[in-house]
């Protein structure tokens, strides 16, 4: 998913190892996606990329 985000959005991605099934996406210091907050669901890459492309409201 990191490579796909890099390719489609041209942003650098840093993967940080963790444990316990955590999957958080943080953009500019702000939490953009949390697996735990979304019913423990891992996001589909295309859905996550669309979410990252949308401007903040």
N, C-alpha and C. Protein backbone atom coordinates (compact mmCIF):
# COMPACT_ATOMS: atom_id res chain seq x y z
N UNK A 1 0.82 -1.18 0.00
CA UNK A 1 0.00 0.00 0.00
C UNK A 1 0.87 1.25 0.00
N UNK A 2 1.99 1.21 0.68
CA UNK A 2 2.90 2.37 0.72
C UNK A 2 3.36 2.74 -0.68
N UNK A 3 3.72 1.74 -1.49
CA UNK A 3 4.17 2.01 -2.85
C UNK A 3 3.04 2.60 -3.70
N UNK A 4 1.83 2.12 -3.50
CA UNK A 4 0.70 2.64 -4.27
C UNK A 4 0.40 4.09 -3.89
N UNK A 5 0.47 4.41 -2.61
CA UNK A 5 0.28 5.79 -2.18
C UNK A 5 1.36 6.68 -2.77
N UNK A 6 2.60 6.22 -2.75
CA UNK A 6 3.72 6.98 -3.32
C UNK A 6 3.50 7.22 -4.81
N UNK A 7 3.10 6.17 -5.54
CA UNK A 7 2.90 6.28 -6.98
C UNK A 7 1.75 7.21 -7.35
N UNK A 8 0.63 7.08 -6.65
CA UNK A 8 -0.58 7.83 -7.03
C UNK A 8 -0.62 9.25 -6.48
N UNK A 9 -0.02 9.47 -5.32
CA UNK A 9 -0.10 10.79 -4.69
C UNK A 9 1.23 11.52 -4.66
N UNK A 10 2.30 10.84 -5.06
CA UNK A 10 3.64 11.42 -5.07
C UNK A 10 4.03 12.02 -3.72
N UNK A 11 3.78 11.23 -2.68
CA UNK A 11 4.19 11.63 -1.34
C UNK A 11 5.06 10.53 -0.74
N UNK A 12 5.96 10.92 0.12
CA UNK A 12 6.82 9.94 0.78
C UNK A 12 6.05 9.25 1.89
N UNK A 13 6.26 7.96 2.01
CA UNK A 13 5.57 7.15 3.00
C UNK A 13 6.60 6.51 3.91
N UNK A 14 6.36 6.57 5.20
CA UNK A 14 7.24 5.93 6.16
C UNK A 14 6.45 4.85 6.89
N UNK A 15 6.94 3.63 6.85
CA UNK A 15 6.31 2.53 7.57
C UNK A 15 6.98 2.38 8.91
N UNK A 16 6.18 2.30 9.95
CA UNK A 16 6.71 2.14 11.30
C UNK A 16 6.15 0.83 11.86
N UNK A 17 7.05 -0.06 12.24
CA UNK A 17 6.64 -1.35 12.78
C UNK A 17 5.92 -1.17 14.10
N UNK A 18 4.94 -2.03 14.32
CA UNK A 18 4.20 -2.01 15.57
C UNK A 18 3.71 -3.41 15.87
N UNK A 19 2.84 -3.50 16.82
CA UNK A 19 2.27 -4.79 17.16
C UNK A 19 0.79 -4.63 17.47
N UNK A 20 0.10 -5.73 17.55
CA UNK A 20 -1.30 -5.69 17.93
C UNK A 20 -2.24 -5.31 16.80
N UNK A 21 -1.78 -5.37 15.56
CA UNK A 21 -2.67 -5.09 14.43
C UNK A 21 -2.98 -3.62 14.20
N UNK A 22 -2.16 -2.75 14.73
CA UNK A 22 -2.39 -1.31 14.55
C UNK A 22 -2.10 -0.92 13.11
N UNK A 23 -2.99 -0.12 12.52
CA UNK A 23 -2.76 0.45 11.19
C UNK A 23 -3.32 1.86 11.22
N UNK A 24 -2.44 2.84 11.37
CA UNK A 24 -2.82 4.24 11.38
C UNK A 24 -2.11 4.94 10.23
N UNK A 25 -2.80 5.88 9.61
CA UNK A 25 -2.21 6.72 8.57
C UNK A 25 -2.21 8.14 9.11
N UNK A 26 -1.03 8.71 9.21
CA UNK A 26 -0.88 10.06 9.73
C UNK A 26 -0.30 10.94 8.64
N UNK A 27 -0.98 12.04 8.35
CA UNK A 27 -0.54 12.98 7.31
C UNK A 27 -0.34 14.33 7.97
N UNK A 28 0.86 14.87 7.82
CA UNK A 28 1.20 16.17 8.41
C UNK A 28 0.84 16.25 9.88
N UNK A 29 1.11 15.15 10.61
CA UNK A 29 0.87 15.13 12.04
C UNK A 29 -0.57 14.87 12.45
N UNK A 30 -1.47 14.72 11.48
CA UNK A 30 -2.88 14.50 11.77
C UNK A 30 -3.28 13.08 11.38
N UNK A 31 -4.06 12.42 12.23
CA UNK A 31 -4.54 11.09 11.95
C UNK A 31 -5.56 11.13 10.81
N UNK A 32 -5.23 10.47 9.71
CA UNK A 32 -6.12 10.44 8.55
C UNK A 32 -6.94 9.16 8.50
N UNK A 33 -6.42 8.07 9.07
CA UNK A 33 -7.14 6.80 9.11
C UNK A 33 -6.63 5.97 10.27
N UNK A 34 -7.55 5.34 10.97
CA UNK A 34 -7.20 4.42 12.04
C UNK A 34 -8.04 3.16 11.89
N UNK A 35 -7.36 2.03 11.76
CA UNK A 35 -8.08 0.76 11.65
C UNK A 35 -8.94 0.53 12.88
N UNK A 36 -8.41 0.83 14.05
CA UNK A 36 -9.14 0.62 15.29
C UNK A 36 -10.42 1.46 15.33
N UNK A 37 -10.36 2.68 14.88
CA UNK A 37 -11.52 3.57 14.90
C UNK A 37 -12.54 3.22 13.81
N UNK A 38 -12.17 2.37 12.87
CA UNK A 38 -13.06 1.99 11.77
C UNK A 38 -13.44 0.52 11.85
N UNK A 39 -13.84 0.09 13.03
CA UNK A 39 -14.33 -1.27 13.21
C UNK A 39 -13.29 -2.35 12.99
N UNK A 40 -12.03 -2.01 13.21
CA UNK A 40 -10.91 -2.94 13.02
C UNK A 40 -10.79 -3.42 11.57
N UNK A 41 -11.24 -2.58 10.64
CA UNK A 41 -11.19 -2.91 9.22
C UNK A 41 -9.96 -2.29 8.57
N UNK A 42 -9.20 -3.14 7.87
CA UNK A 42 -8.07 -2.65 7.08
C UNK A 42 -8.65 -2.01 5.82
N UNK A 43 -8.22 -0.80 5.46
CA UNK A 43 -8.84 -0.11 4.31
C UNK A 43 -8.40 -0.69 2.97
N UNK A 44 -9.29 -0.62 2.01
CA UNK A 44 -8.91 -0.92 0.63
C UNK A 44 -8.03 0.23 0.16
N UNK A 45 -6.99 -0.07 -0.59
CA UNK A 45 -6.04 0.98 -0.97
C UNK A 45 -6.69 2.09 -1.78
N UNK A 46 -7.61 1.75 -2.71
CA UNK A 46 -8.24 2.79 -3.52
C UNK A 46 -9.12 3.71 -2.67
N UNK A 47 -9.78 3.17 -1.66
CA UNK A 47 -10.62 3.98 -0.77
C UNK A 47 -9.74 4.91 0.06
N UNK A 48 -8.65 4.39 0.59
CA UNK A 48 -7.74 5.21 1.39
C UNK A 48 -7.12 6.32 0.54
N UNK A 49 -6.72 6.01 -0.68
CA UNK A 49 -6.13 7.03 -1.55
C UNK A 49 -7.14 8.12 -1.86
N UNK A 50 -8.39 7.76 -2.14
CA UNK A 50 -9.43 8.78 -2.38
C UNK A 50 -9.61 9.66 -1.16
N UNK A 51 -9.59 9.04 0.02
CA UNK A 51 -9.74 9.81 1.25
C UNK A 51 -8.57 10.77 1.43
N UNK A 52 -7.37 10.34 1.12
CA UNK A 52 -6.20 11.20 1.24
C UNK A 52 -6.20 12.32 0.20
N UNK A 53 -6.85 12.12 -0.93
CA UNK A 53 -6.90 13.13 -1.97
C UNK A 53 -7.89 14.24 -1.66
N UNK A 54 -8.88 13.97 -0.81
CA UNK A 54 -9.90 14.94 -0.50
C UNK A 54 -9.34 16.01 0.42
N UNK A 55 -9.65 17.27 0.12
CA UNK A 55 -9.17 18.33 1.00
C UNK A 55 -9.89 18.25 2.34
N UNK A 56 -9.22 18.72 3.39
CA UNK A 56 -9.84 18.74 4.72
C UNK A 56 -11.02 19.69 4.71
N UNK A 57 -12.04 19.30 5.45
CA UNK A 57 -13.24 20.14 5.52
C UNK A 57 -13.23 20.94 6.80
